[in-house]
Amino acid sequence: MHPFTLLLAVLGSLATISAADINTTCSGVNARITPSPGAIVVDSMGAHKGSFRTLAEGVSNLANTTEEQTIFLYPGVYHEQVFITPLAGPLVLQGYTCNTESYADNQVTITQAKAQRDIPLNVTGDRNWATSTLGLAASNIKMYNLNVANTAGKIGGKVGQAVA
C-alpha cells in the first residue's frame, strides 16, 4: 500500500469516528444543537441560510413585539461588544451545547477587551457600562449556555477594571 493511501485511510477512519462520536454524545434531552422554530440564528461562519454572523446583527433584527423571541448562537467565539436595549417582550439567548447541565459544555463565547483605560476621560456617567461585553438594559432576558468574558488585561501590572 502506498504511504499516501494509508494516510488517507487513517484520516478517513478518524473522521468517521469523530462524526459518530459527535452524534452519540451530542444528542438527547440536554442537548441544544438546533434553533427553535422562528429563532433568529447567529453563526459566525455563515453556514446556515439566513443567519447573522454576529450577535449584534441578530439583536438589531429583533422585532418590536411583546411575544417571546429567541436568538440561537451556533458554536464559536464572537469578538464583539453588544448592548441590548429595553424590549417590548421577553428574549431568550440560547447558545449551542451538548449538555445544558454543565457550563463546561458551552460552545459559545462572547468576548471583547475593554477596560476603564479604554474609555475617553470626557465620558461621564456609567463608565462600567461602557466596558461591558454584554450590556443588558432589558429586564426580561434569559440566557442559556453562553460564556461571556471581558479579557481586558492588566494596567501597569495591576488588575484593570473590566465588566463582563
N, C-alpha and C. Protein backbone atom coordinates (compact mmCIF):
# COMPACT_ATOMS: atom_id res chain seq x y z
N MET A 1 0.86 -1.17 0.00
CA MET A 1 0.00 0.00 0.00
C MET A 1 0.90 1.23 0.00
N HIS A 2 0.53 2.24 -0.79
CA HIS A 2 1.31 3.48 -0.83
C HIS A 2 1.13 4.25 0.47
N PRO A 3 2.19 4.94 0.93
CA PRO A 3 2.08 5.69 2.19
C PRO A 3 0.95 6.72 2.16
N PHE A 4 0.75 7.38 1.02
CA PHE A 4 -0.30 8.39 0.91
C PHE A 4 -1.69 7.76 1.06
N THR A 5 -1.88 6.59 0.45
CA THR A 5 -3.16 5.88 0.54
C THR A 5 -3.43 5.46 1.98
N LEU A 6 -2.38 5.00 2.67
CA LEU A 6 -2.53 4.61 4.07
C LEU A 6 -2.93 5.82 4.91
N LEU A 7 -2.29 6.97 4.66
CA LEU A 7 -2.61 8.19 5.40
C LEU A 7 -4.07 8.56 5.18
N LEU A 8 -4.54 8.50 3.94
CA LEU A 8 -5.94 8.81 3.65
C LEU A 8 -6.89 7.85 4.36
N ALA A 9 -6.54 6.58 4.39
CA ALA A 9 -7.39 5.59 5.06
C ALA A 9 -7.48 5.88 6.56
N VAL A 10 -6.34 6.22 7.17
CA VAL A 10 -6.32 6.53 8.60
C VAL A 10 -7.13 7.78 8.87
N LEU A 11 -6.91 8.83 8.09
CA LEU A 11 -7.65 10.08 8.29
C LEU A 11 -9.14 9.87 8.06
N GLY A 12 -9.49 9.08 7.06
CA GLY A 12 -10.90 8.80 6.80
C GLY A 12 -11.57 8.09 7.96
N SER A 13 -10.87 7.14 8.57
CA SER A 13 -11.46 6.43 9.70
C SER A 13 -11.58 7.35 10.92
N LEU A 14 -10.64 8.27 11.10
CA LEU A 14 -10.74 9.22 12.20
C LEU A 14 -11.94 10.13 12.01
N ALA A 15 -12.15 10.59 10.78
CA ALA A 15 -13.30 11.45 10.50
C ALA A 15 -14.60 10.71 10.80
N THR A 16 -14.66 9.45 10.44
CA THR A 16 -15.86 8.65 10.70
C THR A 16 -16.09 8.50 12.20
N ILE A 17 -15.03 8.24 12.93
CA ILE A 17 -15.15 8.10 14.38
C ILE A 17 -15.61 9.41 15.00
N SER A 18 -15.02 10.52 14.56
CA SER A 18 -15.40 11.81 15.12
C SER A 18 -16.86 12.11 14.86
N ALA A 19 -17.33 11.87 13.65
CA ALA A 19 -18.73 12.14 13.33
C ALA A 19 -19.65 11.26 14.17
N ALA A 20 -19.28 10.01 14.33
CA ALA A 20 -20.10 9.10 15.14
C ALA A 20 -20.11 9.55 16.60
N ASP A 21 -18.94 9.94 17.12
CA ASP A 21 -18.86 10.40 18.50
C ASP A 21 -19.73 11.62 18.72
N ILE A 22 -19.70 12.55 17.78
CA ILE A 22 -20.49 13.77 17.91
C ILE A 22 -21.97 13.42 17.97
N ASN A 23 -22.42 12.56 17.07
CA ASN A 23 -23.83 12.20 17.04
C ASN A 23 -24.25 11.46 18.30
N THR A 24 -23.36 10.67 18.87
CA THR A 24 -23.68 9.91 20.06
C THR A 24 -23.67 10.80 21.29
N THR A 25 -22.67 11.64 21.42
CA THR A 25 -22.51 12.44 22.62
C THR A 25 -23.30 13.74 22.58
N CYS A 26 -23.69 14.19 21.42
CA CYS A 26 -24.38 15.47 21.32
C CYS A 26 -25.82 15.25 20.87
N SER A 27 -26.56 14.56 21.73
CA SER A 27 -27.98 14.33 21.45
C SER A 27 -28.67 14.12 22.78
N GLY A 28 -29.96 14.04 22.74
CA GLY A 28 -30.72 13.79 23.96
C GLY A 28 -31.39 15.03 24.49
N VAL A 29 -32.06 14.86 25.62
CA VAL A 29 -32.88 15.94 26.17
C VAL A 29 -32.07 17.14 26.64
N ASN A 30 -30.79 16.96 26.93
CA ASN A 30 -29.97 18.07 27.43
C ASN A 30 -29.14 18.75 26.35
N ALA A 31 -29.30 18.35 25.11
CA ALA A 31 -28.58 18.98 24.00
C ALA A 31 -29.41 20.12 23.43
N ARG A 32 -28.74 21.21 23.11
CA ARG A 32 -29.36 22.34 22.40
C ARG A 32 -28.48 22.61 21.19
N ILE A 33 -28.78 21.92 20.09
CA ILE A 33 -27.91 21.97 18.92
C ILE A 33 -28.61 22.49 17.67
N THR A 34 -29.90 22.78 17.78
CA THR A 34 -30.63 23.37 16.66
C THR A 34 -31.52 24.49 17.18
N PRO A 35 -31.72 25.52 16.36
CA PRO A 35 -32.57 26.62 16.80
C PRO A 35 -34.03 26.21 16.90
N SER A 36 -34.74 26.83 17.81
CA SER A 36 -36.18 26.59 17.90
C SER A 36 -36.86 27.26 16.70
N PRO A 37 -38.04 26.80 16.32
CA PRO A 37 -38.74 27.40 15.17
C PRO A 37 -38.92 28.91 15.36
N GLY A 38 -38.60 29.68 14.34
CA GLY A 38 -38.76 31.13 14.38
C GLY A 38 -37.61 31.88 15.02
N ALA A 39 -36.60 31.17 15.51
CA ALA A 39 -35.47 31.82 16.18
C ALA A 39 -34.62 32.59 15.18
N ILE A 40 -34.04 33.67 15.65
CA ILE A 40 -33.00 34.38 14.90
C ILE A 40 -31.74 33.56 15.09
N VAL A 41 -31.04 33.27 14.01
CA VAL A 41 -29.87 32.39 14.07
C VAL A 41 -28.60 33.21 13.86
N VAL A 42 -27.63 32.99 14.75
CA VAL A 42 -26.32 33.63 14.66
C VAL A 42 -25.29 32.53 14.45
N ASP A 43 -24.51 32.68 13.39
CA ASP A 43 -23.49 31.68 13.04
C ASP A 43 -22.29 32.43 12.48
N SER A 44 -21.20 32.46 13.22
CA SER A 44 -20.02 33.23 12.82
C SER A 44 -19.46 32.80 11.48
N MET A 45 -19.71 31.57 11.07
CA MET A 45 -19.21 31.08 9.79
C MET A 45 -20.19 31.35 8.65
N GLY A 46 -21.41 31.71 8.96
CA GLY A 46 -22.41 31.97 7.93
C GLY A 46 -22.87 30.72 7.19
N ALA A 47 -22.70 29.56 7.80
CA ALA A 47 -23.04 28.30 7.14
C ALA A 47 -24.54 28.02 7.10
N HIS A 48 -25.30 28.68 7.94
CA HIS A 48 -26.74 28.43 8.00
C HIS A 48 -27.49 29.53 7.27
N LYS A 49 -28.32 29.15 6.33
CA LYS A 49 -29.06 30.09 5.49
C LYS A 49 -29.87 31.06 6.36
N GLY A 50 -29.74 32.35 6.04
CA GLY A 50 -30.48 33.37 6.77
C GLY A 50 -29.88 33.75 8.10
N SER A 51 -28.72 33.20 8.43
CA SER A 51 -28.11 33.50 9.73
C SER A 51 -27.35 34.82 9.68
N PHE A 52 -27.09 35.36 10.85
CA PHE A 52 -26.28 36.56 11.01
C PHE A 52 -24.93 36.14 11.55
N ARG A 53 -23.89 36.87 11.21
CA ARG A 53 -22.53 36.49 11.63
C ARG A 53 -22.16 37.00 13.02
N THR A 54 -22.90 37.97 13.53
CA THR A 54 -22.61 38.49 14.87
C THR A 54 -23.88 38.55 15.70
N LEU A 55 -23.71 38.52 17.01
CA LEU A 55 -24.85 38.67 17.91
C LEU A 55 -25.46 40.05 17.74
N ALA A 56 -24.63 41.08 17.56
CA ALA A 56 -25.15 42.44 17.38
C ALA A 56 -26.10 42.51 16.19
N GLU A 57 -25.76 41.83 15.09
CA GLU A 57 -26.65 41.81 13.93
C GLU A 57 -27.96 41.09 14.27
N GLY A 58 -27.86 40.01 15.01
CA GLY A 58 -29.06 39.29 15.43
C GLY A 58 -29.95 40.16 16.29
N VAL A 59 -29.35 40.87 17.25
CA VAL A 59 -30.10 41.75 18.14
C VAL A 59 -30.77 42.86 17.34
N SER A 60 -30.06 43.42 16.36
CA SER A 60 -30.64 44.52 15.58
C SER A 60 -31.81 44.06 14.71
N ASN A 61 -31.98 42.76 14.55
CA ASN A 61 -33.09 42.22 13.77
C ASN A 61 -34.24 41.69 14.63
N LEU A 62 -34.21 41.99 15.91
CA LEU A 62 -35.34 41.61 16.76
C LEU A 62 -36.56 42.44 16.37
N ALA A 63 -37.72 41.81 16.40
CA ALA A 63 -38.96 42.51 16.07
C ALA A 63 -39.45 43.30 17.28
N ASN A 64 -40.22 44.34 17.02
CA ASN A 64 -40.82 45.12 18.10
C ASN A 64 -42.15 44.44 18.45
N THR A 65 -42.08 43.47 19.34
CA THR A 65 -43.25 42.66 19.68
C THR A 65 -43.24 42.32 21.16
N THR A 66 -44.42 42.02 21.68
CA THR A 66 -44.50 41.57 23.07
C THR A 66 -44.34 40.05 23.17
N GLU A 67 -44.28 39.38 22.03
CA GLU A 67 -44.08 37.92 22.00
C GLU A 67 -42.62 37.58 22.35
N GLU A 68 -42.41 36.43 22.96
CA GLU A 68 -41.05 35.99 23.25
C GLU A 68 -40.29 35.72 21.96
N GLN A 69 -39.04 36.17 21.91
CA GLN A 69 -38.17 35.93 20.77
C GLN A 69 -36.93 35.18 21.26
N THR A 70 -36.33 34.43 20.35
CA THR A 70 -35.13 33.66 20.68
C THR A 70 -34.04 33.97 19.68
N ILE A 71 -32.83 34.14 20.20
CA ILE A 71 -31.63 34.20 19.36
C ILE A 71 -30.81 32.96 19.70
N PHE A 72 -30.55 32.14 18.69
CA PHE A 72 -29.77 30.92 18.85
C PHE A 72 -28.39 31.14 18.26
N LEU A 73 -27.35 30.87 19.04
CA LEU A 73 -25.98 31.06 18.59
C LEU A 73 -25.30 29.71 18.38
N TYR A 74 -24.78 29.51 17.16
CA TYR A 74 -24.01 28.31 16.85
C TYR A 74 -22.62 28.44 17.45
N PRO A 75 -21.88 27.32 17.59
CA PRO A 75 -20.57 27.35 18.24
C PRO A 75 -19.63 28.37 17.63
N GLY A 76 -18.85 28.98 18.51
CA GLY A 76 -17.84 29.92 18.06
C GLY A 76 -17.49 30.91 19.14
N VAL A 77 -16.47 31.69 18.85
CA VAL A 77 -16.07 32.79 19.72
C VAL A 77 -16.44 34.06 18.97
N TYR A 78 -17.33 34.83 19.56
CA TYR A 78 -17.83 36.06 18.95
C TYR A 78 -17.12 37.23 19.63
N HIS A 79 -16.24 37.89 18.88
CA HIS A 79 -15.45 39.01 19.41
C HIS A 79 -16.24 40.29 19.16
N GLU A 80 -17.02 40.69 20.15
CA GLU A 80 -17.85 41.88 19.97
C GLU A 80 -18.37 42.37 21.31
N GLN A 81 -18.77 43.63 21.30
CA GLN A 81 -19.41 44.25 22.45
C GLN A 81 -20.86 44.49 22.03
N VAL A 82 -21.81 43.99 22.82
CA VAL A 82 -23.22 44.04 22.44
C VAL A 82 -24.04 44.66 23.57
N PHE A 83 -24.91 45.58 23.19
CA PHE A 83 -25.84 46.18 24.15
C PHE A 83 -27.26 45.85 23.70
N ILE A 84 -28.06 45.37 24.61
CA ILE A 84 -29.46 45.07 24.31
C ILE A 84 -30.32 46.06 25.09
N THR A 85 -30.99 46.92 24.33
CA THR A 85 -31.83 47.95 24.92
C THR A 85 -33.15 47.34 25.40
N PRO A 86 -33.94 48.10 26.16
CA PRO A 86 -35.22 47.56 26.62
C PRO A 86 -36.07 47.04 25.46
N LEU A 87 -36.72 45.93 25.69
CA LEU A 87 -37.54 45.27 24.68
C LEU A 87 -39.00 45.26 25.11
N ALA A 88 -39.89 45.16 24.12
CA ALA A 88 -41.32 45.08 24.42
C ALA A 88 -41.71 43.74 25.01
N GLY A 89 -40.97 42.69 24.66
CA GLY A 89 -41.29 41.35 25.14
C GLY A 89 -40.06 40.60 25.59
N PRO A 90 -40.23 39.39 26.05
CA PRO A 90 -39.11 38.59 26.55
C PRO A 90 -38.16 38.15 25.43
N LEU A 91 -36.91 37.93 25.82
CA LEU A 91 -35.87 37.47 24.89
C LEU A 91 -35.14 36.29 25.52
N VAL A 92 -34.88 35.27 24.71
CA VAL A 92 -34.06 34.12 25.12
C VAL A 92 -32.81 34.12 24.26
N LEU A 93 -31.64 34.11 24.90
CA LEU A 93 -30.36 33.94 24.21
C LEU A 93 -29.91 32.51 24.50
N GLN A 94 -29.86 31.68 23.47
CA GLN A 94 -29.53 30.26 23.65
C GLN A 94 -28.26 29.92 22.89
N GLY A 95 -27.25 29.45 23.61
CA GLY A 95 -26.02 29.00 22.99
C GLY A 95 -26.04 27.52 22.71
N TYR A 96 -25.32 27.12 21.69
CA TYR A 96 -25.19 25.71 21.30
C TYR A 96 -24.48 24.95 22.41
N THR A 97 -25.02 23.81 22.79
CA THR A 97 -24.38 22.96 23.80
C THR A 97 -24.84 21.52 23.64
N CYS A 98 -23.98 20.62 24.01
CA CYS A 98 -24.35 19.20 24.02
C CYS A 98 -24.93 18.79 25.37
N ASN A 99 -24.78 19.66 26.39
CA ASN A 99 -25.25 19.30 27.72
C ASN A 99 -25.62 20.56 28.49
N THR A 100 -26.90 20.82 28.61
CA THR A 100 -27.36 22.02 29.32
C THR A 100 -27.08 21.97 30.82
N GLU A 101 -26.70 20.81 31.33
CA GLU A 101 -26.47 20.67 32.76
C GLU A 101 -25.05 20.99 33.19
N SER A 102 -24.19 21.36 32.24
CA SER A 102 -22.80 21.66 32.58
C SER A 102 -22.29 22.85 31.77
N TYR A 103 -21.88 23.90 32.47
CA TYR A 103 -21.33 25.05 31.77
C TYR A 103 -20.06 24.69 31.02
N ALA A 104 -19.38 23.62 31.44
CA ALA A 104 -18.15 23.20 30.76
C ALA A 104 -18.42 22.76 29.32
N ASP A 105 -19.66 22.44 29.01
CA ASP A 105 -20.02 22.02 27.66
C ASP A 105 -20.49 23.17 26.77
N ASN A 106 -20.52 24.40 27.30
CA ASN A 106 -20.90 25.55 26.48
C ASN A 106 -19.92 25.67 25.31
N GLN A 107 -20.44 25.93 24.13
CA GLN A 107 -19.60 26.05 22.94
C GLN A 107 -19.68 27.43 22.30
N VAL A 108 -20.25 28.39 23.02
CA VAL A 108 -20.38 29.76 22.52
C VAL A 108 -19.77 30.71 23.54
N THR A 109 -18.89 31.58 23.07
CA THR A 109 -18.29 32.61 23.91
C THR A 109 -18.44 33.96 23.23
N ILE A 110 -18.89 34.94 24.01
CA ILE A 110 -18.95 36.33 23.55
C ILE A 110 -17.88 37.05 24.35
N THR A 111 -16.95 37.69 23.66
CA THR A 111 -15.82 38.30 24.36
C THR A 111 -15.36 39.57 23.68
N GLN A 112 -14.75 40.42 24.45
CA GLN A 112 -14.07 41.62 23.97
C GLN A 112 -13.13 42.06 25.09
N ALA A 113 -12.32 43.06 24.81
CA ALA A 113 -11.35 43.51 25.80
C ALA A 113 -11.43 45.03 25.93
N LYS A 114 -12.19 45.47 26.90
CA LYS A 114 -12.31 46.92 27.12
C LYS A 114 -12.31 47.16 28.63
N ALA A 115 -11.44 48.07 29.07
CA ALA A 115 -11.34 48.42 30.48
C ALA A 115 -11.54 49.92 30.63
N GLN A 116 -11.53 50.39 31.86
CA GLN A 116 -11.70 51.82 32.12
C GLN A 116 -10.69 52.67 31.34
N ARG A 117 -9.48 52.16 31.20
CA ARG A 117 -8.44 52.92 30.49
C ARG A 117 -8.80 53.18 29.02
N ASP A 118 -9.71 52.36 28.47
CA ASP A 118 -10.10 52.48 27.07
C ASP A 118 -11.24 53.46 26.85
N ILE A 119 -11.85 53.94 27.91
CA ILE A 119 -12.97 54.86 27.81
C ILE A 119 -12.43 56.28 27.88
N PRO A 120 -12.80 57.13 26.91
CA PRO A 120 -12.31 58.52 26.93
C PRO A 120 -12.67 59.20 28.25
N LEU A 121 -11.77 60.04 28.73
CA LEU A 121 -11.97 60.71 30.02
C LEU A 121 -13.20 61.60 30.03
N ASN A 122 -13.59 62.12 28.86
CA ASN A 122 -14.76 63.01 28.82
C ASN A 122 -16.08 62.25 28.95
N VAL A 123 -16.03 60.92 28.94
CA VAL A 123 -17.24 60.12 29.13
C VAL A 123 -17.52 60.08 30.63
N THR A 124 -18.68 60.57 30.99
CA THR A 124 -19.08 60.56 32.40
C THR A 124 -20.31 59.67 32.53
N GLY A 125 -20.76 59.51 33.72
CA GLY A 125 -21.92 58.63 33.92
C GLY A 125 -21.44 57.23 34.21
N ASP A 126 -22.10 56.27 33.62
CA ASP A 126 -21.81 54.87 33.91
C ASP A 126 -20.68 54.35 33.04
N ARG A 127 -19.47 54.56 33.48
CA ARG A 127 -18.29 54.12 32.72
C ARG A 127 -18.16 52.60 32.74
N ASN A 128 -18.65 51.94 33.80
CA ASN A 128 -18.62 50.48 33.82
C ASN A 128 -19.45 49.90 32.68
N TRP A 129 -20.61 50.50 32.43
CA TRP A 129 -21.48 50.05 31.34
C TRP A 129 -20.72 50.09 30.02
N ALA A 130 -19.90 51.10 29.84
CA ALA A 130 -19.16 51.25 28.58
C ALA A 130 -18.08 50.18 28.41
N THR A 131 -17.72 49.49 29.48
CA THR A 131 -16.71 48.42 29.36
C THR A 131 -17.34 47.04 29.25
N SER A 132 -18.63 46.94 29.43
CA SER A 132 -19.25 45.61 29.48
C SER A 132 -19.23 44.91 28.12
N THR A 133 -19.07 43.62 28.15
CA THR A 133 -19.09 42.81 26.93
C THR A 133 -20.52 42.64 26.45
N LEU A 134 -21.41 42.35 27.36
CA LEU A 134 -22.82 42.16 27.03
C LEU A 134 -23.64 43.01 27.99
N GLY A 135 -24.08 44.16 27.50
CA GLY A 135 -24.87 45.08 28.32
C GLY A 135 -26.35 44.80 28.14
N LEU A 136 -27.00 44.48 29.24
CA LEU A 136 -28.42 44.13 29.18
C LEU A 136 -29.25 45.20 29.88
N ALA A 137 -29.94 46.04 29.09
CA ALA A 137 -30.80 47.07 29.66
C ALA A 137 -32.23 46.57 29.80
N ALA A 138 -32.53 45.45 29.20
CA ALA A 138 -33.87 44.87 29.30
C ALA A 138 -33.93 43.96 30.52
N SER A 139 -35.09 43.91 31.14
CA SER A 139 -35.23 43.10 32.35
C SER A 139 -35.83 41.72 32.09
N ASN A 140 -36.17 41.45 30.86
CA ASN A 140 -36.86 40.19 30.56
C ASN A 140 -36.04 39.32 29.60
N ILE A 141 -34.77 39.11 29.97
CA ILE A 141 -33.87 38.31 29.14
C ILE A 141 -33.44 37.07 29.91
N LYS A 142 -33.51 35.93 29.24
CA LYS A 142 -32.99 34.68 29.79
C LYS A 142 -31.81 34.27 28.93
N MET A 143 -30.71 33.90 29.58
CA MET A 143 -29.51 33.46 28.86
C MET A 143 -29.18 32.03 29.25
N TYR A 144 -28.91 31.22 28.22
CA TYR A 144 -28.58 29.82 28.47
C TYR A 144 -27.34 29.43 27.67
N ASN A 145 -26.41 28.80 28.33
CA ASN A 145 -25.25 28.16 27.70
C ASN A 145 -24.40 29.13 26.89
N LEU A 146 -24.16 30.30 27.45
CA LEU A 146 -23.28 31.29 26.84
C LEU A 146 -22.18 31.65 27.82
N ASN A 147 -20.95 31.67 27.35
CA ASN A 147 -19.84 32.20 28.13
C ASN A 147 -19.68 33.65 27.72
N VAL A 148 -19.56 34.54 28.70
CA VAL A 148 -19.37 35.96 28.43
C VAL A 148 -18.11 36.39 29.17
N ALA A 149 -17.16 37.00 28.43
CA ALA A 149 -15.88 37.36 29.04
C ALA A 149 -15.43 38.74 28.58
N ASN A 150 -14.81 39.45 29.48
CA ASN A 150 -14.10 40.68 29.15
C ASN A 150 -12.64 40.38 29.46
N THR A 151 -11.82 40.32 28.43
CA THR A 151 -10.43 39.90 28.58
C THR A 151 -9.45 41.07 28.69
N ALA A 152 -9.96 42.24 29.07
CA ALA A 152 -9.07 43.38 29.26
C ALA A 152 -8.00 43.00 30.28
N GLY A 153 -6.77 43.21 29.91
CA GLY A 153 -5.66 42.76 30.75
C GLY A 153 -5.30 43.72 31.85
N LYS A 154 -4.12 43.52 32.33
CA LYS A 154 -3.61 44.34 33.43
C LYS A 154 -3.23 45.73 32.91
N ILE A 155 -3.31 46.70 33.81
CA ILE A 155 -2.93 48.07 33.51
C ILE A 155 -1.73 48.39 34.39
N GLY A 156 -0.58 48.58 33.77
CA GLY A 156 0.62 48.86 34.55
C GLY A 156 0.94 47.77 35.55
N GLY A 157 0.70 46.52 35.18
CA GLY A 157 0.98 45.40 36.06
C GLY A 157 -0.08 45.13 37.09
N LYS A 158 -1.13 45.96 37.13
CA LYS A 158 -2.21 45.78 38.09
C LYS A 158 -3.48 45.34 37.36
N VAL A 159 -4.36 44.72 38.10
CA VAL A 159 -5.63 44.29 37.51
C VAL A 159 -6.43 45.52 37.11
N GLY A 160 -6.96 45.52 35.89
CA GLY A 160 -7.76 46.63 35.40
C GLY A 160 -9.24 46.39 35.62
N GLN A 161 -9.99 47.47 35.68
CA GLN A 161 -11.44 47.37 35.85
C GLN A 161 -12.07 46.95 34.53
N ALA A 162 -12.81 45.86 34.53
CA ALA A 162 -13.49 45.39 33.34
C ALA A 162 -14.72 44.60 33.75
N VAL A 163 -15.83 44.89 33.11
CA VAL A 163 -17.09 44.22 33.41
C VAL A 163 -17.43 43.28 32.26
N ALA A 164 -17.79 42.05 32.59
CA ALA A 164 -18.18 41.11 31.52
C ALA A 164 -19.61 41.40 31.15
